[in-house]
Amino acid sequence: VAVHQEIASRLISSQLFPILIQQLRVASNWDIRAKVARVIGL
């Protein structure tokens, strides 16, 4: 869903973005970290 321009704009400006950053920082599973990075990039 992040590839849709309006959805991406809403998600990046929501409380989701800080949670993604937190997951990138604390997730012990590197697969999760990689996917979190991909979502942030998209």
ModelCIF file with pLDDT and N, C-alpha, C, O atoms, coordinates in Angstrom:
data_MODEL
#
_entry.id   MODEL 
#
_entity.id                         1 
_entity.type                       polymer 
_entity.pdbx_number_of_molecules   1 
#
_entity_poly.entity_id                      1 
_entity_poly.type                           'polypeptide(L)' 
_entity_poly.nstd_linkage                   no 
_entity_poly.nstd_monomer                   no 
_entity_poly.pdbx_seq_one_letter_code       VAVHQEIASRLISSQLFPILIQQLRVASNWDIRAKVARVIGL 
_entity_poly.pdbx_seq_one_letter_code_can   VAVHQEIASRLISSQLFPILIQQLRVASNWDIRAKVARVIGL 
_entity_poly.pdbx_strand_id                 A 
#
loop_
_entity_poly_seq.entity_id 
_entity_poly_seq.num 
_entity_poly_seq.mon_id 
_entity_poly_seq.hetero 
1 1  VAL n 
1 2  ALA n 
1 3  VAL n 
1 4  HIS n 
1 5  GLN n 
1 6  GLU n 
1 7  ILE n 
1 8  ALA n 
1 9  SER n 
1 10 ARG n 
1 11 LEU n 
1 12 ILE n 
1 13 SER n 
1 14 SER n 
1 15 GLN n 
1 16 LEU n 
1 17 PHE n 
1 18 PRO n 
1 19 ILE n 
1 20 LEU n 
1 21 ILE n 
1 22 GLN n 
1 23 GLN n 
1 24 LEU n 
1 25 ARG n 
1 26 VAL n 
1 27 ALA n 
1 28 SER n 
1 29 ASN n 
1 30 TRP n 
1 31 ASP n 
1 32 ILE n 
1 33 ARG n 
1 34 ALA n 
1 35 LYS n 
1 36 VAL n 
1 37 ALA n 
1 38 ARG n 
1 39 VAL n 
1 40 ILE n 
1 41 GLY n 
1 42 LEU n 
#
_struct_asym.id          A 
_struct_asym.entity_id   1 
#
loop_
_ma_qa_metric.id 
_ma_qa_metric.mode 
_ma_qa_metric.name 
_ma_qa_metric.software_group_id 
_ma_qa_metric.type 
1 global pLDDT . pLDDT 
2 local  pLDDT . pLDDT 
#
_ma_qa_metric_global.metric_id      1 
_ma_qa_metric_global.metric_value   92.33 
_ma_qa_metric_global.model_id       1 
_ma_qa_metric_global.ordinal_id     1 
#
loop_
_ma_qa_metric_local.label_asym_id 
_ma_qa_metric_local.label_comp_id 
_ma_qa_metric_local.label_seq_id 
_ma_qa_metric_local.metric_id 
_ma_qa_metric_local.metric_value 
_ma_qa_metric_local.model_id 
_ma_qa_metric_local.ordinal_id 
A VAL 1  2 90.00 1 1  
A ALA 2  2 92.00 1 2  
A VAL 3  2 92.00 1 3  
A HIS 4  2 93.00 1 4  
A GLN 5  2 93.00 1 5  
A GLU 6  2 92.00 1 6  
A ILE 7  2 92.00 1 7  
A ALA 8  2 94.00 1 8  
A SER 9  2 93.00 1 9  
A ARG 10 2 92.00 1 10 
A LEU 11 2 93.00 1 11 
A ILE 12 2 94.00 1 12 
A SER 13 2 93.00 1 13 
A SER 14 2 93.00 1 14 
A GLN 15 2 94.00 1 15 
A LEU 16 2 95.00 1 16 
A PHE 17 2 96.00 1 17 
A PRO 18 2 95.00 1 18 
A ILE 19 2 95.00 1 19 
A LEU 20 2 96.00 1 20 
A ILE 21 2 95.00 1 21 
A GLN 22 2 95.00 1 22 
A GLN 23 2 93.00 1 23 
A LEU 24 2 93.00 1 24 
A ARG 25 2 92.00 1 25 
A VAL 26 2 90.00 1 26 
A ALA 27 2 86.00 1 27 
A SER 28 2 84.00 1 28 
A ASN 29 2 84.00 1 29 
A TRP 30 2 87.00 1 30 
A ASP 31 2 88.00 1 31 
A ILE 32 2 90.00 1 32 
A ARG 33 2 91.00 1 33 
A ALA 34 2 90.00 1 34 
A LYS 35 2 92.00 1 35 
A VAL 36 2 94.00 1 36 
A ALA 37 2 94.00 1 37 
A ARG 38 2 93.00 1 38 
A VAL 39 2 95.00 1 39 
A ILE 40 2 96.00 1 40 
A GLY 41 2 94.00 1 41 
A LEU 42 2 95.00 1 42 
#
loop_
_atom_site.group_PDB 
_atom_site.id 
_atom_site.type_symbol 
_atom_site.label_atom_id 
_atom_site.label_alt_id 
_atom_site.label_comp_id 
_atom_site.label_asym_id 
_atom_site.label_entity_id 
_atom_site.label_seq_id 
_atom_site.pdbx_PDB_ins_code 
_atom_site.Cartn_x 
_atom_site.Cartn_y 
_atom_site.Cartn_z 
_atom_site.occupancy 
_atom_site.B_iso_or_equiv 
_atom_site.pdbx_formal_charge 
_atom_site.auth_seq_id 
_atom_site.auth_comp_id 
_atom_site.auth_asym_id 
_atom_site.auth_atom_id 
_atom_site.pdbx_PDB_model_num 
ATOM 1   N N  . VAL A 1 1  ? 0.812  -1.223  0.000  1.00 90.00 ? 1  VAL A N  1 
ATOM 2   C CA . VAL A 1 1  ? 0.000  0.000   0.000  1.00 90.00 ? 1  VAL A CA 1 
ATOM 3   C C  . VAL A 1 1  ? 0.844  1.270   0.000  1.00 90.00 ? 1  VAL A C  1 
ATOM 4   O O  . VAL A 1 1  ? 0.352  2.339   -0.361 1.00 90.00 ? 1  VAL A O  1 
ATOM 5   N N  . ALA A 1 2  ? 2.116  1.164   0.402  1.00 92.00 ? 2  ALA A N  1 
ATOM 6   C CA . ALA A 1 2  ? 2.985  2.344   0.478  1.00 92.00 ? 2  ALA A CA 1 
ATOM 7   C C  . ALA A 1 2  ? 3.376  2.889   -0.888 1.00 92.00 ? 2  ALA A C  1 
ATOM 8   O O  . ALA A 1 2  ? 3.920  3.989   -0.982 1.00 92.00 ? 2  ALA A O  1 
ATOM 9   N N  . VAL A 1 3  ? 3.107  2.135   -1.945 1.00 92.00 ? 3  VAL A N  1 
ATOM 10  C CA . VAL A 1 3  ? 3.453  2.623   -3.289 1.00 92.00 ? 3  VAL A CA 1 
ATOM 11  C C  . VAL A 1 3  ? 2.403  3.584   -3.834 1.00 92.00 ? 3  VAL A C  1 
ATOM 12  O O  . VAL A 1 3  ? 2.586  4.156   -4.908 1.00 92.00 ? 3  VAL A O  1 
ATOM 13  N N  . HIS A 1 4  ? 1.315  3.763   -3.111 1.00 93.00 ? 4  HIS A N  1 
ATOM 14  C CA . HIS A 1 4  ? 0.277  4.725   -3.505 1.00 93.00 ? 4  HIS A CA 1 
ATOM 15  C C  . HIS A 1 4  ? 0.634  6.079   -2.884 1.00 93.00 ? 4  HIS A C  1 
ATOM 16  O O  . HIS A 1 4  ? 0.857  6.174   -1.677 1.00 93.00 ? 4  HIS A O  1 
ATOM 17  N N  . GLN A 1 5  ? 0.687  7.115   -3.711 1.00 93.00 ? 5  GLN A N  1 
ATOM 18  C CA . GLN A 1 5  ? 1.193  8.414   -3.281 1.00 93.00 ? 5  GLN A CA 1 
ATOM 19  C C  . GLN A 1 5  ? 0.445  8.994   -2.074 1.00 93.00 ? 5  GLN A C  1 
ATOM 20  O O  . GLN A 1 5  ? 1.074  9.444   -1.116 1.00 93.00 ? 5  GLN A O  1 
ATOM 21  N N  . GLU A 1 6  ? -0.867 8.986   -2.113 1.00 92.00 ? 6  GLU A N  1 
ATOM 22  C CA . GLU A 1 6  ? -1.623 9.587   -1.006 1.00 92.00 ? 6  GLU A CA 1 
ATOM 23  C C  . GLU A 1 6  ? -1.515 8.755   0.274  1.00 92.00 ? 6  GLU A C  1 
ATOM 24  O O  . GLU A 1 6  ? -1.431 9.309   1.370  1.00 92.00 ? 6  GLU A O  1 
ATOM 25  N N  . ILE A 1 7  ? -1.517 7.442   0.138  1.00 92.00 ? 7  ILE A N  1 
ATOM 26  C CA . ILE A 1 7  ? -1.360 6.567   1.306  1.00 92.00 ? 7  ILE A CA 1 
ATOM 27  C C  . ILE A 1 7  ? 0.031  6.763   1.908  1.00 92.00 ? 7  ILE A C  1 
ATOM 28  O O  . ILE A 1 7  ? 0.170  6.855   3.128  1.00 92.00 ? 7  ILE A O  1 
ATOM 29  N N  . ALA A 1 8  ? 1.056  6.826   1.065  1.00 94.00 ? 8  ALA A N  1 
ATOM 30  C CA . ALA A 1 8  ? 2.424  7.039   1.555  1.00 94.00 ? 8  ALA A CA 1 
ATOM 31  C C  . ALA A 1 8  ? 2.515  8.361   2.316  1.00 94.00 ? 8  ALA A C  1 
ATOM 32  O O  . ALA A 1 8  ? 3.137  8.429   3.376  1.00 94.00 ? 8  ALA A O  1 
ATOM 33  N N  . SER A 1 9  ? 1.900  9.400   1.778  1.00 93.00 ? 9  SER A N  1 
ATOM 34  C CA . SER A 1 9  ? 1.924  10.714  2.448  1.00 93.00 ? 9  SER A CA 1 
ATOM 35  C C  . SER A 1 9  ? 1.222  10.656  3.798  1.00 93.00 ? 9  SER A C  1 
ATOM 36  O O  . SER A 1 9  ? 1.688  11.252  4.769  1.00 93.00 ? 9  SER A O  1 
ATOM 37  N N  . ARG A 1 10 ? 0.115  9.947   3.861  1.00 92.00 ? 10 ARG A N  1 
ATOM 38  C CA . ARG A 1 10 ? -0.613 9.829   5.128  1.00 92.00 ? 10 ARG A CA 1 
ATOM 39  C C  . ARG A 1 10 ? 0.164  8.985   6.137  1.00 92.00 ? 10 ARG A C  1 
ATOM 40  O O  . ARG A 1 10 ? 0.216  9.323   7.319  1.00 92.00 ? 10 ARG A O  1 
ATOM 41  N N  . LEU A 1 11 ? 0.764  7.895   5.679  1.00 93.00 ? 11 LEU A N  1 
ATOM 42  C CA . LEU A 1 11 ? 1.489  7.011   6.590  1.00 93.00 ? 11 LEU A CA 1 
ATOM 43  C C  . LEU A 1 11 ? 2.760  7.656   7.134  1.00 93.00 ? 11 LEU A C  1 
ATOM 44  O O  . LEU A 1 11 ? 3.071  7.509   8.315  1.00 93.00 ? 11 LEU A O  1 
ATOM 45  N N  . ILE A 1 12 ? 3.494  8.367   6.284  1.00 94.00 ? 12 ILE A N  1 
ATOM 46  C CA . ILE A 1 12 ? 4.753  8.964   6.747  1.00 94.00 ? 12 ILE A CA 1 
ATOM 47  C C  . ILE A 1 12 ? 4.491  10.089  7.749  1.00 94.00 ? 12 ILE A C  1 
ATOM 48  O O  . ILE A 1 12 ? 5.338  10.381  8.594  1.00 94.00 ? 12 ILE A O  1 
ATOM 49  N N  . SER A 1 13 ? 3.324  10.716  7.656  1.00 93.00 ? 13 SER A N  1 
ATOM 50  C CA . SER A 1 13 ? 2.973  11.806  8.564  1.00 93.00 ? 13 SER A CA 1 
ATOM 51  C C  . SER A 1 13 ? 2.218  11.326  9.794  1.00 93.00 ? 13 SER A C  1 
ATOM 52  O O  . SER A 1 13 ? 1.839  12.135  10.641 1.00 93.00 ? 13 SER A O  1 
ATOM 53  N N  . SER A 1 14 ? 1.995  10.032  9.902  1.00 93.00 ? 14 SER A N  1 
ATOM 54  C CA . SER A 1 14 ? 1.217  9.479   11.016 1.00 93.00 ? 14 SER A CA 1 
ATOM 55  C C  . SER A 1 14 ? 2.134  8.977   12.125 1.00 93.00 ? 14 SER A C  1 
ATOM 56  O O  . SER A 1 14 ? 3.358  9.082   12.046 1.00 93.00 ? 14 SER A O  1 
ATOM 57  N N  . GLN A 1 15 ? 1.502  8.426   13.167 1.00 94.00 ? 15 GLN A N  1 
ATOM 58  C CA . GLN A 1 15 ? 2.266  7.844   14.278 1.00 94.00 ? 15 GLN A CA 1 
ATOM 59  C C  . GLN A 1 15 ? 2.981  6.562   13.871 1.00 94.00 ? 15 GLN A C  1 
ATOM 60  O O  . GLN A 1 15 ? 3.769  6.025   14.649 1.00 94.00 ? 15 GLN A O  1 
ATOM 61  N N  . LEU A 1 16 ? 2.717  6.061   12.660 1.00 95.00 ? 16 LEU A N  1 
ATOM 62  C CA . LEU A 1 16 ? 3.383  4.848   12.191 1.00 95.00 ? 16 LEU A CA 1 
ATOM 63  C C  . LEU A 1 16 ? 4.876  5.075   11.959 1.00 95.00 ? 16 LEU A C  1 
ATOM 64  O O  . LEU A 1 16 ? 5.684  4.198   12.264 1.00 95.00 ? 16 LEU A O  1 
ATOM 65  N N  . PHE A 1 17 ? 5.249  6.228   11.429 1.00 96.00 ? 17 PHE A N  1 
ATOM 66  C CA . PHE A 1 17 ? 6.653  6.461   11.070 1.00 96.00 ? 17 PHE A CA 1 
ATOM 67  C C  . PHE A 1 17 ? 7.586  6.359   12.282 1.00 96.00 ? 17 PHE A C  1 
ATOM 68  O O  . PHE A 1 17 ? 8.613  5.687   12.185 1.00 96.00 ? 17 PHE A O  1 
ATOM 69  N N  . PRO A 1 18 ? 7.270  7.003   13.435 1.00 95.00 ? 18 PRO A N  1 
ATOM 70  C CA . PRO A 1 18 ? 8.144  6.814   14.604 1.00 95.00 ? 18 PRO A CA 1 
ATOM 71  C C  . PRO A 1 18 ? 8.202  5.358   15.080 1.00 95.00 ? 18 PRO A C  1 
ATOM 72  O O  . PRO A 1 18 ? 9.231  4.917   15.592 1.00 95.00 ? 18 PRO A O  1 
ATOM 73  N N  . ILE A 1 19 ? 7.105  4.612   14.915 1.00 95.00 ? 19 ILE A N  1 
ATOM 74  C CA . ILE A 1 19 ? 7.116  3.198   15.308 1.00 95.00 ? 19 ILE A CA 1 
ATOM 75  C C  . ILE A 1 19 ? 8.015  2.396   14.379 1.00 95.00 ? 19 ILE A C  1 
ATOM 76  O O  . ILE A 1 19 ? 8.713  1.483   14.821 1.00 95.00 ? 19 ILE A O  1 
ATOM 77  N N  . LEU A 1 20 ? 8.002  2.735   13.092 1.00 96.00 ? 20 LEU A N  1 
ATOM 78  C CA . LEU A 1 20 ? 8.913  2.070   12.155 1.00 96.00 ? 20 LEU A CA 1 
ATOM 79  C C  . LEU A 1 20 ? 10.365 2.339   12.541 1.00 96.00 ? 20 LEU A C  1 
ATOM 80  O O  . LEU A 1 20 ? 11.198 1.433   12.515 1.00 96.00 ? 20 LEU A O  1 
ATOM 81  N N  . ILE A 1 21 ? 10.665 3.584   12.898 1.00 95.00 ? 21 ILE A N  1 
ATOM 82  C CA . ILE A 1 21 ? 12.033 3.924   13.325 1.00 95.00 ? 21 ILE A CA 1 
ATOM 83  C C  . ILE A 1 21 ? 12.407 3.121   14.565 1.00 95.00 ? 21 ILE A C  1 
ATOM 84  O O  . ILE A 1 21 ? 13.515 2.592   14.663 1.00 95.00 ? 21 ILE A O  1 
ATOM 85  N N  . GLN A 1 22 ? 11.473 3.036   15.509 1.00 95.00 ? 22 GLN A N  1 
ATOM 86  C CA . GLN A 1 22 ? 11.730 2.277   16.727 1.00 95.00 ? 22 GLN A CA 1 
ATOM 87  C C  . GLN A 1 22 ? 11.983 0.803   16.401 1.00 95.00 ? 22 GLN A C  1 
ATOM 88  O O  . GLN A 1 22 ? 12.893 0.197   16.967 1.00 95.00 ? 22 GLN A O  1 
ATOM 89  N N  . GLN A 1 23 ? 11.197 0.223   15.501 1.00 93.00 ? 23 GLN A N  1 
ATOM 90  C CA . GLN A 1 23 ? 11.388 -1.170  15.114 1.00 93.00 ? 23 GLN A CA 1 
ATOM 91  C C  . GLN A 1 23 ? 12.734 -1.383  14.435 1.00 93.00 ? 23 GLN A C  1 
ATOM 92  O O  . GLN A 1 23 ? 13.380 -2.414  14.627 1.00 93.00 ? 23 GLN A O  1 
ATOM 93  N N  . LEU A 1 24 ? 13.149 -0.410  13.644 1.00 93.00 ? 24 LEU A N  1 
ATOM 94  C CA . LEU A 1 24 ? 14.462 -0.484  13.000 1.00 93.00 ? 24 LEU A CA 1 
ATOM 95  C C  . LEU A 1 24 ? 15.558 -0.504  14.055 1.00 93.00 ? 24 LEU A C  1 
ATOM 96  O O  . LEU A 1 24 ? 16.596 -1.141  13.870 1.00 93.00 ? 24 LEU A O  1 
ATOM 97  N N  . ARG A 1 25 ? 15.329 0.183   15.143 1.00 92.00 ? 25 ARG A N  1 
ATOM 98  C CA . ARG A 1 25 ? 16.316 0.266   16.221 1.00 92.00 ? 25 ARG A CA 1 
ATOM 99  C C  . ARG A 1 25 ? 16.319 -0.981  17.102 1.00 92.00 ? 25 ARG A C  1 
ATOM 100 O O  . ARG A 1 25 ? 17.391 -1.468  17.460 1.00 92.00 ? 25 ARG A O  1 
ATOM 101 N N  . VAL A 1 26 ? 15.145 -1.512  17.461 1.00 90.00 ? 26 VAL A N  1 
ATOM 102 C CA . VAL A 1 26 ? 15.096 -2.531  18.512 1.00 90.00 ? 26 VAL A CA 1 
ATOM 103 C C  . VAL A 1 26 ? 14.815 -3.949  18.043 1.00 90.00 ? 26 VAL A C  1 
ATOM 104 O O  . VAL A 1 26 ? 15.045 -4.890  18.802 1.00 90.00 ? 26 VAL A O  1 
ATOM 105 N N  . ALA A 1 27 ? 14.334 -4.137  16.838 1.00 86.00 ? 27 ALA A N  1 
ATOM 106 C CA . ALA A 1 27 ? 13.990 -5.495  16.388 1.00 86.00 ? 27 ALA A CA 1 
ATOM 107 C C  . ALA A 1 27 ? 15.227 -6.386  16.404 1.00 86.00 ? 27 ALA A C  1 
ATOM 108 O O  . ALA A 1 27 ? 16.277 -6.027  15.870 1.00 86.00 ? 27 ALA A O  1 
ATOM 109 N N  . SER A 1 28 ? 15.084 -7.551  17.026 1.00 84.00 ? 28 SER A N  1 
ATOM 110 C CA . SER A 1 28 ? 16.232 -8.469  17.088 1.00 84.00 ? 28 SER A CA 1 
ATOM 111 C C  . SER A 1 28 ? 16.341 -9.279  15.801 1.00 84.00 ? 28 SER A C  1 
ATOM 112 O O  . SER A 1 28 ? 17.413 -9.789  15.474 1.00 84.00 ? 28 SER A O  1 
ATOM 113 N N  . ASN A 1 29 ? 15.251 -9.396  15.083 1.00 84.00 ? 29 ASN A N  1 
ATOM 114 C CA . ASN A 1 29 ? 15.204 -10.159 13.839 1.00 84.00 ? 29 ASN A CA 1 
ATOM 115 C C  . ASN A 1 29 ? 15.635 -9.252  12.673 1.00 84.00 ? 29 ASN A C  1 
ATOM 116 O O  . ASN A 1 29 ? 14.993 -8.235  12.413 1.00 84.00 ? 29 ASN A O  1 
ATOM 117 N N  . TRP A 1 30 ? 16.708 -9.617  11.979 1.00 87.00 ? 30 TRP A N  1 
ATOM 118 C CA . TRP A 1 30 ? 17.219 -8.775  10.888 1.00 87.00 ? 30 TRP A CA 1 
ATOM 119 C C  . TRP A 1 30 ? 16.288 -8.770  9.675  1.00 87.00 ? 30 TRP A C  1 
ATOM 120 O O  . TRP A 1 30 ? 16.302 -7.819  8.893  1.00 87.00 ? 30 TRP A O  1 
ATOM 121 N N  . ASP A 1 31 ? 15.486 -9.811  9.511  1.00 88.00 ? 31 ASP A N  1 
ATOM 122 C CA . ASP A 1 31 ? 14.497 -9.791  8.426  1.00 88.00 ? 31 ASP A CA 1 
ATOM 123 C C  . ASP A 1 31 ? 13.470 -8.690  8.668  1.00 88.00 ? 31 ASP A C  1 
ATOM 124 O O  . ASP A 1 31 ? 13.064 -7.986  7.743  1.00 88.00 ? 31 ASP A O  1 
ATOM 125 N N  . ILE A 1 32 ? 13.059 -8.555  9.921  1.00 90.00 ? 32 ILE A N  1 
ATOM 126 C CA . ILE A 1 32 ? 12.114 -7.485  10.263 1.00 90.00 ? 32 ILE A CA 1 
ATOM 127 C C  . ILE A 1 32 ? 12.756 -6.130  10.037 1.00 90.00 ? 32 ILE A C  1 
ATOM 128 O O  . ILE A 1 32 ? 12.128 -5.235  9.472  1.00 90.00 ? 32 ILE A O  1 
ATOM 129 N N  . ARG A 1 33 ? 13.989 -5.969  10.468 1.00 91.00 ? 33 ARG A N  1 
ATOM 130 C CA . ARG A 1 33 ? 14.681 -4.690  10.261 1.00 91.00 ? 33 ARG A CA 1 
ATOM 131 C C  . ARG A 1 33 ? 14.782 -4.349  8.770  1.00 91.00 ? 33 ARG A C  1 
ATOM 132 O O  . ARG A 1 33 ? 14.579 -3.203  8.369  1.00 91.00 ? 33 ARG A O  1 
ATOM 133 N N  . ALA A 1 34 ? 15.095 -5.352  7.965  1.00 90.00 ? 34 ALA A N  1 
ATOM 134 C CA . ALA A 1 34 ? 15.222 -5.122  6.522  1.00 90.00 ? 34 ALA A CA 1 
ATOM 135 C C  . ALA A 1 34 ? 13.879 -4.705  5.918  1.00 90.00 ? 34 ALA A C  1 
ATOM 136 O O  . ALA A 1 34 ? 13.829 -3.804  5.080  1.00 90.00 ? 34 ALA A O  1 
ATOM 137 N N  . LYS A 1 35 ? 12.797 -5.353  6.338  1.00 92.00 ? 35 LYS A N  1 
ATOM 138 C CA . LYS A 1 35 ? 11.469 -5.001  5.802  1.00 92.00 ? 35 LYS A CA 1 
ATOM 139 C C  . LYS A 1 35 ? 11.016 -3.641  6.310  1.00 92.00 ? 35 LYS A C  1 
ATOM 140 O O  . LYS A 1 35 ? 10.368 -2.892  5.579  1.00 92.00 ? 35 LYS A O  1 
ATOM 141 N N  . VAL A 1 36 ? 11.348 -3.314  7.554  1.00 94.00 ? 36 VAL A N  1 
ATOM 142 C CA . VAL A 1 36 ? 11.027 -1.978  8.075  1.00 94.00 ? 36 VAL A CA 1 
ATOM 143 C C  . VAL A 1 36 ? 11.749 -0.929  7.239  1.00 94.00 ? 36 VAL A C  1 
ATOM 144 O O  . VAL A 1 36 ? 11.164 0.092   6.876  1.00 94.00 ? 36 VAL A O  1 
ATOM 145 N N  . ALA A 1 37 ? 13.016 -1.181  6.936  1.00 94.00 ? 37 ALA A N  1 
ATOM 146 C CA . ALA A 1 37 ? 13.776 -0.245  6.099  1.00 94.00 ? 37 ALA A CA 1 
ATOM 147 C C  . ALA A 1 37 ? 13.138 -0.122  4.725  1.00 94.00 ? 37 ALA A C  1 
ATOM 148 O O  . ALA A 1 37 ? 13.082 0.969   4.156  1.00 94.00 ? 37 ALA A O  1 
ATOM 149 N N  . ARG A 1 38 ? 12.665 -1.226  4.198  1.00 93.00 ? 38 ARG A N  1 
ATOM 150 C CA . ARG A 1 38 ? 12.026 -1.182  2.880  1.00 93.00 ? 38 ARG A CA 1 
ATOM 151 C C  . ARG A 1 38 ? 10.748 -0.346  2.927  1.00 93.00 ? 38 ARG A C  1 
ATOM 152 O O  . ARG A 1 38 ? 10.503 0.456   2.026  1.00 93.00 ? 38 ARG A O  1 
ATOM 153 N N  . VAL A 1 39 ? 9.934  -0.523  3.966  1.00 95.00 ? 39 VAL A N  1 
ATOM 154 C CA . VAL A 1 39 ? 8.707  0.279   4.102  1.00 95.00 ? 39 VAL A CA 1 
ATOM 155 C C  . VAL A 1 39 ? 9.059  1.756   4.202  1.00 95.00 ? 39 VAL A C  1 
ATOM 156 O O  . VAL A 1 39 ? 8.433  2.589   3.547  1.00 95.00 ? 39 VAL A O  1 
ATOM 157 N N  . ILE A 1 40 ? 10.056 2.086   5.014  1.00 96.00 ? 40 ILE A N  1 
ATOM 158 C CA . ILE A 1 40 ? 10.474 3.487   5.154  1.00 96.00 ? 40 ILE A CA 1 
ATOM 159 C C  . ILE A 1 40 ? 10.935 4.031   3.803  1.00 96.00 ? 40 ILE A C  1 
ATOM 160 O O  . ILE A 1 40 ? 10.580 5.150   3.432  1.00 96.00 ? 40 ILE A O  1 
ATOM 161 N N  . GLY A 1 41 ? 11.719 3.250   3.072  1.00 94.00 ? 41 GLY A N  1 
ATOM 162 C CA . GLY A 1 41 ? 12.187 3.678   1.759  1.00 94.00 ? 41 GLY A CA 1 
ATOM 163 C C  . GLY A 1 41 ? 11.047 3.896   0.778  1.00 94.00 ? 41 GLY A C  1 
ATOM 164 O O  . GLY A 1 41 ? 11.053 4.867   0.022  1.00 94.00 ? 41 GLY A O  1 
ATOM 165 N N  . LEU A 1 42 ? 10.064 2.994   0.787  1.00 95.00 ? 42 LEU A N  1 
ATOM 166 C CA . LEU A 1 42 ? 8.908  3.149   -0.108 1.00 95.00 ? 42 LEU A CA 1 
ATOM 167 C C  . LEU A 1 42 ? 8.082  4.371   0.272  1.00 95.00 ? 42 LEU A C  1 
ATOM 168 O O  . LEU A 1 42 ? 7.072  4.658   -0.371 1.00 95.00 ? 42 LEU A O  1 
#
